[in-house]
Amino acid sequence: MSLSSLQCSTAELRKLYPGHTVVASQAGATNVLSYPAAYVQSLRPDLMVSESIFVPFARRMGTPGALVERVTYGCFQVAWEV
């Protein structure tokens, strides 16, 4: 399945998920999936697109870095306390 076949507008997402808030953001601008103590649940794991990337740590840490998963496309239910 190609990424272009997965793309849809926020209006289409609102129709698919009534009662939810749809927030579209540019990659790297926001990462609500990494909020501390956030509850994150994928609504459509079968449509999620992600990639593994290497994130280097500061040299003083003594560890070169870590492999992390970066979500390129996904639909999530996210909740946290303010």
C-alpha atoms as a PDB file:
ATOM      1  CA  MET A   1       0.000   0.000   0.000  1.00  0.00           C
ATOM      2  CA  SER A   2       1.537   3.337  -1.037  1.00  0.00           C
ATOM      3  CA  LEU A   3       1.598   6.417   1.169  1.00  0.00           C
ATOM      4  CA  SER A   4      -0.414   8.383  -1.409  1.00  0.00           C
ATOM      5  CA  SER A   5      -3.295   5.916  -1.081  1.00  0.00           C
ATOM      6  CA  LEU A   6      -3.317   6.543   2.703  1.00  0.00           C
ATOM      7  CA  GLN A   7      -3.476  10.331   2.517  1.00  0.00           C
ATOM      8  CA  CYS A   8      -6.789  12.017   3.168  1.00  0.00           C
ATOM      9  CA  SER A   9      -8.024  15.429   4.231  1.00  0.00           C
ATOM     10  CA  THR A  10      -8.901  16.496   7.761  1.00  0.00           C
ATOM     11  CA  ALA A  11     -12.544  16.734   6.613  1.00  0.00           C
ATOM     12  CA  GLU A  12     -12.470  13.040   5.678  1.00  0.00           C
ATOM     13  CA  LEU A  13     -10.888  12.183   9.035  1.00  0.00           C
ATOM     14  CA  ARG A  14     -13.614  14.117  10.895  1.00  0.00           C
ATOM     15  CA  LYS A  15     -16.246  12.028   9.074  1.00  0.00           C
ATOM     16  CA  LEU A  16     -14.430   8.803  10.007  1.00  0.00           C
ATOM     17  CA  TYR A  17     -13.962   9.801  13.661  1.00  0.00           C
ATOM     18  CA  PRO A  18     -16.911  11.926  14.837  1.00  0.00           C
ATOM     19  CA  GLY A  19     -16.580  13.103  18.411  1.00  0.00           C
ATOM     20  CA  HIS A  20     -12.776  13.332  18.102  1.00  0.00           C
ATOM     21  CA  THR A  21     -10.582  16.365  17.515  1.00  0.00           C
ATOM     22  CA  VAL A  22      -8.513  16.224  14.341  1.00  0.00           C
ATOM     23  CA  VAL A  23      -5.145  17.954  14.580  1.00  0.00           C
ATOM     24  CA  ALA A  24      -2.866  17.981  11.549  1.00  0.00           C
ATOM     25  CA  SER A  25       0.719  19.091  12.027  1.00  0.00           C
ATOM     26  CA  GLN A  26       3.915  19.244  10.042  1.00  0.00           C
ATOM     27  CA  ALA A  27       6.470  16.560  10.720  1.00  0.00           C
ATOM     28  CA  GLY A  28       8.783  17.640  13.496  1.00  0.00           C
ATOM     29  CA  ALA A  29       6.589  20.561  14.565  1.00  0.00           C
ATOM     30  CA  THR A  30       4.731  18.654  17.267  1.00  0.00           C
ATOM     31  CA  ASN A  31       5.135  15.227  18.814  1.00  0.00           C
ATOM     32  CA  VAL A  32       2.157  14.547  21.061  1.00  0.00           C
ATOM     33  CA  LEU A  33       3.115  10.864  21.090  1.00  0.00           C
ATOM     34  CA  SER A  34       6.108  11.693  23.300  1.00  0.00           C
ATOM     35  CA  TYR A  35       4.283  13.787  25.926  1.00  0.00           C
ATOM     36  CA  PRO A  36       5.178  12.553  29.429  1.00  0.00           C
ATOM     37  CA  ALA A  37       2.440  10.412  31.009  1.00  0.00           C
ATOM     38  CA  ALA A  38       0.306  10.583  27.847  1.00  0.00           C
ATOM     39  CA  TYR A  39      -2.067   7.748  27.033  1.00  0.00           C
ATOM     40  CA  VAL A  40      -1.570   6.897  23.329  1.00  0.00           C
ATOM     41  CA  GLN A  41      -3.593   4.329  21.419  1.00  0.00           C
ATOM     42  CA  SER A  42      -3.437   3.758  17.671  1.00  0.00           C
ATOM     43  CA  LEU A  43      -6.932   3.790  16.164  1.00  0.00           C
ATOM     44  CA  ARG A  44      -5.828   2.110  12.920  1.00  0.00           C
ATOM     45  CA  PRO A  45      -2.583   0.150  13.464  1.00  0.00           C
ATOM     46  CA  ASP A  46      -3.029  -1.461  10.051  1.00  0.00           C
ATOM     47  CA  LEU A  47      -2.628   1.964   8.364  1.00  0.00           C
ATOM     48  CA  MET A  48       0.246   3.297  10.462  1.00  0.00           C
ATOM     49  CA  VAL A  49       3.457   4.086   8.561  1.00  0.00           C
ATOM     50  CA  SER A  50       6.683   4.373  10.545  1.00  0.00           C
ATOM     51  CA  GLU A  51      10.427   4.083  10.118  1.00  0.00           C
ATOM     52  CA  SER A  52      13.359   3.334  12.394  1.00  0.00           C
ATOM     53  CA  ILE A  53      15.893   6.133  12.730  1.00  0.00           C
ATOM     54  CA  PHE A  54      19.138   6.568  14.669  1.00  0.00           C
ATOM     55  CA  VAL A  55      19.166   9.415  17.193  1.00  0.00           C
ATOM     56  CA  PRO A  56      22.682  10.329  18.353  1.00  0.00           C
ATOM     57  CA  PHE A  57      23.217  11.261  22.002  1.00  0.00           C
ATOM     58  CA  ALA A  58      25.584  13.952  23.258  1.00  0.00           C
ATOM     59  CA  ARG A  59      29.192  12.698  23.361  1.00  0.00           C
ATOM     60  CA  ARG A  60      29.368  13.165  27.140  1.00  0.00           C
ATOM     61  CA  MET A  61      26.619  10.529  27.574  1.00  0.00           C
ATOM     62  CA  GLY A  62      29.077   7.760  26.702  1.00  0.00           C
ATOM     63  CA  THR A  63      26.553   5.992  24.463  1.00  0.00           C
ATOM     64  CA  PRO A  64      26.513   6.680  20.724  1.00  0.00           C
ATOM     65  CA  GLY A  65      22.718   6.844  20.470  1.00  0.00           C
ATOM     66  CA  ALA A  66      19.590   4.764  20.027  1.00  0.00           C
ATOM     67  CA  LEU A  67      17.260   3.458  17.342  1.00  0.00           C
ATOM     68  CA  VAL A  68      13.765   4.921  17.700  1.00  0.00           C
ATOM     69  CA  GLU A  69      10.564   4.583  15.720  1.00  0.00           C
ATOM     70  CA  ARG A  70       9.294   7.705  13.954  1.00  0.00           C
ATOM     71  CA  VAL A  71       5.650   7.725  12.867  1.00  0.00           C
ATOM     72  CA  THR A  72       5.149   9.200   9.405  1.00  0.00           C
ATOM     73  CA  TYR A  73       1.400   8.607   9.171  1.00  0.00           C
ATOM     74  CA  GLY A  74      -1.015   7.472  11.844  1.00  0.00           C
ATOM     75  CA  CYS A  75      -4.287   8.028  13.625  1.00  0.00           C
ATOM     76  CA  PHE A  76      -4.152   8.044  17.422  1.00  0.00           C
ATOM     77  CA  GLN A  77      -6.325   8.616  20.428  1.00  0.00           C
ATOM     78  CA  VAL A  78      -4.239  10.671  22.865  1.00  0.00           C
ATOM     79  CA  ALA A  79      -5.175  11.828  26.360  1.00  0.00           C
ATOM     80  CA  TRP A  80      -3.249  13.513  29.181  1.00  0.00           C
ATOM     81  CA  GLU A  81      -3.923  15.572  32.278  1.00  0.00           C
ATOM     82  CA  VAL A  82      -3.108  19.278  32.212  1.00  0.00           C
END
